[in-house]
Amino acid sequence: MGLMSWLWEQHQFLMHQCFSLPFAFLFYFLAKRGYLSLTYRYLYVCLGGCVLAVVTMGIYSLLLFTSTFLFILLVCSVDPSCVHAWVFGVQMLWQTFWHLLIQYREYYLHEPVSIRLFLAVSSLMLLTQRITSVSMDLQEKQVTLTFNSSSKKKTCVMLLPLVSYILNFTTLFGGPLCSYSQFVSLMAGISLNPPPSPLGVVSLKLMQVLMMELVRYCLVYFLKHNTYDPSSSIILYGVLWVWGLAAVLRIQYYSHWRVSECLNNAAGFGFWENSPGDSPDWSGLSDGDFWTTEASSRMSEFARRWNSTTASWLRRLVFTRCKRFPLFMTFSFSAWWHGWHLGHFVGILTWAATVKADYHIHRHLGPKLSSPWRKIYTCISWINTQMIVACVVIAVELRNVSGLRLLSVTYIGLFPLFNVILLFILLKLNTN
């Protein structure tokens, strides 16, 4: 099987985004040259998202259109101070219904689930981010929408940027999440102060994606031809084999985020103004960098850097609003948002417990270490973080009992267990 066919089979999201790149470049060219007014720019990205949804999801694109319609209906009819509670409740009920339907068909009826339905539900999760982001903006009065009931035309013009933000083809299959205000600013600024040509930076990032996928392809080949035997007495090999499998799954995410950046950059979004003489910086919209994230030596650092715009959204939506147990409430909601599979429940709550343990362990040991020992501690902490992340990724991605069984037979599951036990010991010492 060739690399391109393997890419298509393994990551259809990534390939759909790559096929959208010419339309993003066309949008940048037309907007920069002044061929598209602001209204037509909004129509372009909105219609592009609708067409992409229908082509890739078929009948299941109605999931997104229904969600968008309900949101617009709530925005127009509910007071801004109450709209977030209504939007959050309706959107999460709608998303949860489809997650439960997928589980019912997979685990009880044992029927194959259409890839189109998976695409639609994954996009619906991203839609939830954008919709609740706007509803929080309205509640906190960061965004104000005024509708003229006497003029339907003016109302439609007011709603067009909102619908375009929700169904934008550059973010339909991936992030990064940007605020509604930032989206409006980017759309208006692309003709007033156009960024330089994104062709070079998009080509470079696509080369990085190709390199990551090549590495992933080689890792998959190695793991397939060197399958771990549970009866083997070599514990270290089992641990490293699972770590390699988790690396394969993580690289898939990094590739997806990088292509999402490319798609936004190709449309002219994500450019930061630098000082004269500096190279252009196109990292204004990013979900995380491979090297920065993987270099994290603490679980709390990794949690902040992994899918950073989603982490910020969860912090704003749950963490800052919860008065009791904000960390576990945030991770619990993340498990709900992901679909509440058994692997999601175990993996994400294990992540929460190890992040909590990281805070206590670092606070207890950090001040007591001299400079040489601190370097050794950082190295050990990095290895510990990598092993815990591998456990979380395996549990979440495999979703069912098979992932948990793999973690137990390879003994890599002892790493998060040790951290949780150490957390309870430190909590016990602090109470005495």
Protein backbone atom coordinates (compact mmCIF):
# COMPACT_ATOMS: atom_id res chain seq x y z
CA MET A 1 0.00 0.00 0.00
CA GLY A 2 1.46 3.33 -1.07
CA LEU A 3 1.91 6.34 1.17
CA MET A 4 -0.94 8.34 -0.44
CA SER A 5 -3.46 5.48 -0.22
CA TRP A 6 -2.35 4.87 3.36
CA LEU A 7 -2.87 8.56 4.12
CA TRP A 8 -6.38 8.45 2.68
CA GLU A 9 -7.33 5.33 4.62
CA GLN A 10 -5.83 6.50 7.91
CA HIS A 11 -6.77 10.17 7.95
CA GLN A 12 -9.61 11.29 5.69
CA PHE A 13 -9.92 14.55 7.66
CA LEU A 14 -6.40 15.48 6.61
CA MET A 15 -6.98 14.71 2.96
CA HIS A 16 -10.29 16.59 2.81
CA GLN A 17 -8.50 19.64 4.21
CA CYS A 18 -5.73 19.30 1.63
CA PHE A 19 -8.33 19.23 -1.15
CA SER A 20 -9.76 22.50 0.26
CA LEU A 21 -6.43 24.33 -0.05
CA PRO A 22 -6.97 25.59 -3.67
CA PHE A 23 -10.25 27.21 -2.61
CA ALA A 24 -8.50 28.87 0.35
CA PHE A 25 -5.80 30.27 -1.98
CA LEU A 26 -8.52 31.48 -4.36
CA PHE A 27 -10.27 33.27 -1.48
CA TYR A 28 -7.00 35.00 -0.50
CA PHE A 29 -6.31 36.10 -4.08
CA LEU A 30 -9.82 37.45 -4.72
CA ALA A 31 -10.06 39.21 -1.34
CA LYS A 32 -6.59 40.77 -1.58
CA ARG A 33 -7.22 42.07 -5.11
CA GLY A 34 -10.54 43.61 -4.03
CA TYR A 35 -12.74 41.33 -6.11
CA LEU A 36 -14.70 40.26 -3.02
CA SER A 37 -16.52 42.78 -0.85
CA LEU A 38 -16.86 42.01 2.86
CA THR A 39 -20.34 40.56 2.36
CA TYR A 40 -19.14 38.32 -0.47
CA ARG A 41 -16.19 37.20 1.66
CA TYR A 42 -18.59 35.98 4.33
CA LEU A 43 -20.70 34.28 1.68
CA TYR A 44 -17.62 32.59 0.17
CA VAL A 45 -16.44 30.95 3.41
CA CYS A 46 -20.01 30.08 4.44
CA LEU A 47 -21.03 28.51 1.13
CA GLY A 48 -17.64 26.80 0.95
CA GLY A 49 -18.36 25.18 4.32
CA CYS A 50 -21.86 24.13 3.25
CA VAL A 51 -20.60 22.56 0.02
CA LEU A 52 -17.73 20.81 1.82
CA ALA A 53 -20.14 19.44 4.43
CA VAL A 54 -22.61 18.10 1.82
CA VAL A 55 -19.88 16.56 -0.35
CA THR A 56 -18.07 14.81 2.52
CA MET A 57 -20.95 13.99 4.89
CA GLY A 58 -23.94 13.58 2.60
CA ILE A 59 -27.24 13.45 4.49
CA TYR A 60 -25.39 13.71 7.82
CA SER A 61 -24.46 17.32 7.00
CA LEU A 62 -27.93 18.07 8.39
CA LEU A 63 -26.40 17.59 11.85
CA LEU A 64 -24.38 20.76 11.35
CA PHE A 65 -27.13 22.73 9.61
CA THR A 66 -29.66 21.84 12.33
CA SER A 67 -27.23 22.88 15.04
CA THR A 68 -26.55 26.19 13.27
CA PHE A 69 -30.27 26.87 12.78
CA LEU A 70 -31.06 26.20 16.46
CA PHE A 71 -28.22 28.46 17.56
CA ILE A 72 -29.38 31.36 15.37
CA LEU A 73 -32.94 30.84 16.64
CA LEU A 74 -31.76 31.04 20.26
CA VAL A 75 -29.58 34.09 19.62
CA CYS A 76 -32.52 35.92 18.05
CA SER A 77 -35.06 34.97 20.72
CA VAL A 78 -33.25 34.66 24.07
CA ASP A 79 -31.88 37.48 26.22
CA PRO A 80 -28.03 37.71 25.94
CA SER A 81 -27.64 37.23 29.71
CA CYS A 82 -29.37 33.81 29.46
CA VAL A 83 -28.40 32.71 25.97
CA HIS A 84 -25.29 30.76 26.98
CA ALA A 85 -27.19 28.38 29.27
CA TRP A 86 -29.73 27.65 26.52
CA VAL A 87 -27.12 27.28 23.79
CA PHE A 88 -24.88 25.07 25.91
CA GLY A 89 -27.75 22.80 26.96
CA VAL A 90 -29.31 22.39 23.51
CA GLN A 91 -25.98 21.91 21.72
CA MET A 92 -24.62 19.32 24.17
CA LEU A 93 -27.90 17.38 24.14
CA TRP A 94 -27.83 17.30 20.33
CA GLN A 95 -24.17 16.23 20.23
CA THR A 96 -24.62 13.63 23.00
CA PHE A 97 -27.59 12.07 21.18
CA TRP A 98 -25.40 11.32 18.14
CA HIS A 99 -22.51 10.07 20.28
CA LEU A 100 -24.87 7.65 22.04
CA LEU A 101 -26.37 6.56 18.72
CA ILE A 102 -22.89 5.69 17.43
CA GLN A 103 -22.15 3.69 20.60
CA TYR A 104 -25.49 1.90 20.36
CA ARG A 105 -24.82 0.86 16.77
CA GLU A 106 -21.21 -0.14 17.50
CA TYR A 107 -21.56 -2.04 20.78
CA TYR A 108 -25.16 -3.33 20.84
CA LEU A 109 -26.13 -3.79 17.20
CA HIS A 110 -22.53 -4.53 16.13
CA GLU A 111 -23.13 -2.61 12.91
CA PRO A 112 -20.43 -0.71 11.02
CA VAL A 113 -20.86 3.04 11.38
CA SER A 114 -20.66 5.16 8.24
CA ILE A 115 -17.47 7.20 7.91
CA ARG A 116 -19.71 10.09 6.87
CA LEU A 117 -21.44 9.97 10.26
CA PHE A 118 -18.06 9.99 12.02
CA LEU A 119 -17.02 13.02 9.97
CA ALA A 120 -20.27 14.81 10.82
CA VAL A 121 -20.07 14.13 14.56
CA SER A 122 -16.41 15.17 14.70
CA SER A 123 -17.29 18.41 12.92
CA LEU A 124 -20.25 18.84 15.27
CA MET A 125 -17.81 18.75 18.20
CA LEU A 126 -15.83 21.60 16.62
CA LEU A 127 -19.11 23.43 15.97
CA THR A 128 -19.86 23.14 19.70
CA GLN A 129 -16.63 24.99 20.43
CA ARG A 130 -17.47 27.89 18.13
CA ILE A 131 -21.13 28.12 19.16
CA THR A 132 -20.44 28.12 22.90
CA SER A 133 -17.56 30.55 22.39
CA VAL A 134 -20.00 33.04 20.83
CA SER A 135 -22.64 32.42 23.50
CA MET A 136 -20.09 33.16 26.24
CA ASP A 137 -19.07 36.34 24.38
CA LEU A 138 -22.72 37.42 24.29
CA GLN A 139 -23.24 36.62 27.95
CA GLU A 140 -20.10 38.53 28.96
CA LYS A 141 -21.00 41.40 26.57
CA GLN A 142 -17.76 41.02 24.62
CA VAL A 143 -19.94 40.78 21.50
CA THR A 144 -23.18 42.68 20.94
CA LEU A 145 -25.71 41.74 18.28
CA THR A 146 -28.61 44.09 17.53
CA PHE A 147 -31.41 42.99 15.24
CA ASN A 148 -33.75 45.28 13.36
CA SER A 149 -37.16 43.58 13.47
CA SER A 150 -38.57 46.01 10.89
CA SER A 151 -36.02 45.03 8.24
CA LYS A 152 -35.43 41.40 7.38
CA LYS A 153 -32.62 42.34 5.00
CA LYS A 154 -30.64 44.11 7.74
CA THR A 155 -31.20 41.17 10.08
CA CYS A 156 -29.83 38.76 7.46
CA VAL A 157 -26.79 40.99 6.92
CA MET A 158 -26.20 41.01 10.69
CA LEU A 159 -26.47 37.21 10.92
CA LEU A 160 -24.24 36.47 7.91
CA PRO A 161 -20.90 36.91 9.76
CA LEU A 162 -22.21 34.69 12.57
CA VAL A 163 -23.26 31.88 10.23
CA SER A 164 -19.98 32.24 8.29
CA TYR A 165 -18.01 31.91 11.53
CA ILE A 166 -19.85 28.70 12.42
CA LEU A 167 -19.71 27.05 8.97
CA ASN A 168 -16.37 28.45 7.80
CA PHE A 169 -14.80 25.87 5.46
CA THR A 170 -11.27 26.53 6.83
CA THR A 171 -12.33 25.33 10.31
CA LEU A 172 -15.05 22.79 9.45
CA PHE A 173 -12.76 19.76 9.94
CA GLY A 174 -10.23 21.25 12.33
CA GLY A 175 -9.19 24.18 14.44
CA PRO A 176 -7.62 26.19 15.60
CA LEU A 177 -10.44 27.87 17.46
CA CYS A 178 -10.45 31.65 17.19
CA SER A 179 -12.95 34.02 18.76
CA TYR A 180 -15.82 35.51 16.79
CA SER A 181 -14.34 39.00 17.19
CA GLN A 182 -11.00 37.81 15.85
CA PHE A 183 -12.73 36.15 12.88
CA VAL A 184 -14.59 39.37 12.01
CA SER A 185 -11.34 41.34 12.32
CA LEU A 186 -9.49 38.91 10.04
CA MET A 187 -12.22 39.00 7.42
CA ALA A 188 -12.31 42.80 7.39
CA GLY A 189 -8.53 43.23 7.47
CA ILE A 190 -7.59 40.93 4.60
CA SER A 191 -8.35 43.67 2.03
CA LEU A 192 -7.43 46.71 4.17
CA ASN A 193 -4.04 45.40 5.31
CA PRO A 194 -3.43 42.17 3.36
CA PRO A 195 -0.78 39.74 4.65
CA PRO A 196 2.09 38.66 2.36
CA SER A 197 1.63 35.69 0.07
CA PRO A 198 1.12 32.52 2.15
CA LEU A 199 2.33 30.18 -0.61
CA GLY A 200 5.82 29.76 0.85
CA VAL A 201 4.76 29.11 4.45
CA VAL A 202 1.96 26.75 3.38
CA SER A 203 4.41 24.75 1.23
CA LEU A 204 6.85 24.52 4.15
CA LYS A 205 4.18 23.35 6.56
CA LEU A 206 2.91 20.78 4.08
CA MET A 207 6.45 19.43 3.79
CA GLN A 208 6.52 19.13 7.59
CA VAL A 209 3.23 17.22 7.48
CA LEU A 210 4.61 14.91 4.80
CA MET A 211 7.71 14.26 6.93
CA MET A 212 5.59 13.52 10.02
CA GLU A 213 3.39 11.15 8.05
CA LEU A 214 6.47 9.44 6.61
CA VAL A 215 7.80 8.91 10.14
CA ARG A 216 4.38 7.60 11.19
CA TYR A 217 4.29 5.27 8.19
CA CYS A 218 7.71 3.84 9.17
CA LEU A 219 6.65 3.46 12.82
CA VAL A 220 3.50 1.59 11.78
CA TYR A 221 5.55 -0.69 9.53
CA PHE A 222 7.99 -1.43 12.39
CA LEU A 223 5.24 -2.08 14.95
CA LYS A 224 3.36 -4.39 12.57
CA HIS A 225 6.46 -6.48 11.90
CA ASN A 226 7.61 -6.53 15.53
CA THR A 227 4.35 -7.21 17.33
CA TYR A 228 4.58 -7.36 21.12
CA ASP A 229 4.01 -10.82 22.59
CA PRO A 230 2.31 -10.60 26.03
CA SER A 231 3.98 -13.88 27.06
CA SER A 232 7.41 -12.27 26.60
CA SER A 233 9.39 -11.63 29.76
CA ILE A 234 11.01 -8.47 28.37
CA ILE A 235 9.00 -5.79 30.18
CA LEU A 236 10.97 -2.86 28.72
CA TYR A 237 10.16 -3.96 25.15
CA GLY A 238 6.44 -3.97 25.92
CA VAL A 239 6.62 -0.49 27.44
CA LEU A 240 8.55 0.89 24.45
CA TRP A 241 6.20 -0.85 21.98
CA VAL A 242 3.14 0.82 23.53
CA TRP A 243 4.99 4.16 23.65
CA GLY A 244 5.69 3.78 19.91
CA LEU A 245 2.03 3.00 19.21
CA ALA A 246 0.99 6.10 21.15
CA ALA A 247 3.53 8.15 19.18
CA VAL A 248 1.87 6.98 15.95
CA LEU A 249 -1.51 8.18 17.22
CA ARG A 250 -0.12 11.51 18.45
CA ILE A 251 1.66 12.25 15.15
CA GLN A 252 -1.70 11.86 13.44
CA TYR A 253 -3.01 14.72 15.58
CA TYR A 254 0.02 16.92 14.90
CA SER A 255 -0.41 16.37 11.15
CA HIS A 256 -4.07 17.27 11.36
CA TRP A 257 -3.35 20.48 13.29
CA ARG A 258 -0.59 21.46 10.86
CA VAL A 259 -2.84 21.02 7.84
CA SER A 260 -5.51 23.05 9.65
CA GLU A 261 -2.94 25.82 10.05
CA CYS A 262 -2.09 25.54 6.33
CA LEU A 263 -5.74 25.89 5.34
CA ASN A 264 -6.17 29.01 7.48
CA ASN A 265 -2.86 30.47 6.29
CA ALA A 266 -3.78 29.81 2.64
CA ALA A 267 -6.91 31.92 3.17
CA GLY A 268 -4.77 34.72 4.64
CA PHE A 269 -5.55 34.07 8.31
CA GLY A 270 -3.08 33.74 11.17
CA PHE A 271 -0.45 36.30 10.13
CA TRP A 272 1.25 38.32 12.89
CA GLU A 273 2.88 41.67 12.20
CA ASN A 274 6.56 41.62 13.21
CA SER A 275 9.21 44.29 13.44
CA PRO A 276 10.69 45.45 10.11
CA GLY A 277 13.33 43.01 8.91
CA ASP A 278 11.91 40.01 10.77
CA SER A 279 10.64 37.01 8.85
CA PRO A 280 6.85 36.73 8.45
CA ASP A 281 5.14 34.95 11.36
CA TRP A 282 2.15 32.84 10.38
CA SER A 283 1.65 31.18 13.79
CA GLY A 284 -1.24 33.40 14.91
CA LEU A 285 -3.68 30.50 14.59
CA SER A 286 -2.15 27.29 15.91
CA ASP A 287 -3.16 24.31 18.03
CA GLY A 288 0.37 23.44 19.05
CA ASP A 289 3.84 22.63 17.82
CA PHE A 290 5.23 19.08 17.84
CA TRP A 291 8.60 19.93 19.41
CA THR A 292 7.24 22.32 22.05
CA THR A 293 4.48 19.97 23.15
CA GLU A 294 6.59 16.80 23.19
CA ALA A 295 9.38 18.59 25.10
CA SER A 296 7.01 19.13 28.05
CA SER A 297 8.58 17.67 31.17
CA ARG A 298 5.42 17.98 33.28
CA MET A 299 1.88 16.70 32.75
CA SER A 300 0.44 20.13 33.53
CA GLU A 301 2.61 21.68 30.79
CA PHE A 302 1.58 19.00 28.32
CA ALA A 303 -2.11 19.54 29.16
CA ARG A 304 -1.83 23.28 28.40
CA ARG A 305 0.12 22.79 25.15
CA TRP A 306 -1.77 19.82 23.71
CA ASN A 307 -4.48 21.15 21.39
CA SER A 308 -3.94 24.56 22.95
CA THR A 309 -7.02 26.39 21.62
CA THR A 310 -9.29 23.58 22.84
CA ALA A 311 -7.50 23.68 26.20
CA SER A 312 -8.18 27.43 26.40
CA TRP A 313 -11.83 26.86 25.45
CA LEU A 314 -12.24 24.22 28.19
CA ARG A 315 -10.58 26.53 30.71
CA ARG A 316 -12.97 29.34 29.86
CA LEU A 317 -16.09 27.17 29.57
CA VAL A 318 -15.62 25.02 32.69
CA PHE A 319 -12.50 25.64 34.78
CA THR A 320 -13.03 29.36 35.50
CA ARG A 321 -16.77 28.86 36.12
CA CYS A 322 -16.53 25.97 38.61
CA LYS A 323 -16.15 26.83 42.28
CA ARG A 324 -15.61 23.24 43.45
CA PHE A 325 -13.15 20.73 41.92
CA PRO A 326 -12.57 22.80 38.75
CA LEU A 327 -9.79 20.53 37.42
CA PHE A 328 -11.81 17.31 37.59
CA MET A 329 -14.97 19.05 36.36
CA THR A 330 -13.03 20.33 33.33
CA PHE A 331 -11.62 16.92 32.45
CA SER A 332 -14.99 15.25 33.12
CA PHE A 333 -16.67 17.63 30.69
CA SER A 334 -13.90 16.89 28.19
CA ALA A 335 -14.77 13.18 28.46
CA TRP A 336 -18.45 14.03 27.91
CA TRP A 337 -17.61 16.23 24.93
CA HIS A 338 -15.51 13.42 23.42
CA GLY A 339 -18.37 10.92 23.70
CA TRP A 340 -18.13 9.09 27.04
CA HIS A 341 -16.67 5.87 25.71
CA LEU A 342 -15.11 3.68 28.40
CA GLY A 343 -11.62 4.54 27.16
CA HIS A 344 -12.45 8.27 27.18
CA PHE A 345 -13.70 8.04 30.76
CA VAL A 346 -10.66 6.13 32.06
CA GLY A 347 -8.04 7.94 29.95
CA ILE A 348 -9.18 11.52 30.51
CA LEU A 349 -9.85 11.12 34.25
CA THR A 350 -6.42 9.45 34.57
CA TRP A 351 -5.02 12.53 32.84
CA ALA A 352 -6.79 14.76 35.38
CA ALA A 353 -5.44 12.76 38.32
CA THR A 354 -1.87 12.83 37.01
CA VAL A 355 -2.05 16.59 36.34
CA LYS A 356 -3.19 17.04 39.96
CA ALA A 357 -0.35 14.76 41.10
CA ASP A 358 2.10 16.78 39.01
CA TYR A 359 1.16 19.99 40.84
CA HIS A 360 1.70 18.40 44.25
CA ILE A 361 4.87 16.48 43.36
CA HIS A 362 6.52 19.53 41.78
CA ARG A 363 5.51 21.76 44.70
CA HIS A 364 6.90 19.22 47.18
CA LEU A 365 10.16 18.26 45.44
CA GLY A 366 11.01 21.36 43.37
CA PRO A 367 12.28 23.66 46.15
CA LYS A 368 14.34 20.85 47.76
CA LEU A 369 16.48 20.01 44.72
CA SER A 370 19.88 21.52 43.98
CA SER A 371 20.84 22.52 40.42
CA PRO A 372 22.43 19.17 39.34
CA TRP A 373 19.59 17.14 40.84
CA ARG A 374 17.01 19.43 39.22
CA LYS A 375 18.34 18.47 35.77
CA ILE A 376 18.07 14.77 36.62
CA TYR A 377 14.58 15.36 38.02
CA THR A 378 13.58 17.13 34.77
CA CYS A 379 14.77 14.15 32.68
CA ILE A 380 12.93 11.65 34.89
CA SER A 381 9.86 13.86 34.84
CA TRP A 382 9.95 13.99 31.02
CA ILE A 383 10.09 10.18 30.79
CA ASN A 384 7.25 9.95 33.30
CA THR A 385 5.19 12.44 31.27
CA GLN A 386 5.80 10.53 28.03
CA MET A 387 4.68 7.24 29.59
CA ILE A 388 1.55 8.73 31.15
CA VAL A 389 0.63 10.47 27.89
CA ALA A 390 1.11 7.15 26.08
CA CYS A 391 -1.35 5.51 28.50
CA VAL A 392 -3.90 8.29 28.07
CA VAL A 393 -3.65 8.26 24.26
CA ILE A 394 -3.99 4.45 24.04
CA ALA A 395 -7.03 4.44 26.35
CA VAL A 396 -8.75 7.35 24.57
CA GLU A 397 -8.00 6.32 20.99
CA LEU A 398 -8.79 2.59 21.33
CA ARG A 399 -11.89 3.62 23.34
CA ASN A 400 -12.81 0.16 24.64
CA VAL A 401 -11.52 -2.59 26.92
CA SER A 402 -8.81 -3.66 24.45
CA GLY A 403 -6.84 -0.47 25.12
CA LEU A 404 -7.03 -0.93 28.90
CA ARG A 405 -6.01 -4.58 28.54
CA LEU A 406 -2.97 -3.57 26.48
CA LEU A 407 -1.89 -1.09 29.17
CA SER A 408 -2.13 -3.75 31.87
CA VAL A 409 -0.26 -6.57 30.09
CA THR A 410 2.64 -4.27 29.10
CA TYR A 411 2.99 -2.78 32.62
CA ILE A 412 3.11 0.77 31.23
CA GLY A 413 -0.10 1.39 33.17
CA LEU A 414 2.01 1.36 36.36
CA PHE A 415 3.29 4.86 35.56
CA PRO A 416 -0.02 6.71 36.06
CA LEU A 417 -0.89 4.37 38.94
CA PHE A 418 2.36 5.28 40.71
CA ASN A 419 1.63 9.00 40.23
CA VAL A 420 -1.87 8.64 41.67
CA ILE A 421 -0.58 6.70 44.68
CA LEU A 422 2.09 9.37 45.23
CA LEU A 423 -0.65 12.03 45.04
CA PHE A 424 -2.60 10.37 47.86
CA ILE A 425 0.57 10.04 49.95
CA LEU A 426 1.37 13.75 49.54
CA LEU A 427 -2.23 14.74 50.31
CA LYS A 428 -2.03 12.60 53.45
CA LEU A 429 1.23 14.28 54.50
CA ASN A 430 -0.22 17.76 53.91
CA THR A 431 -3.24 17.04 56.10
CA ASN A 432 -1.07 15.82 59.01
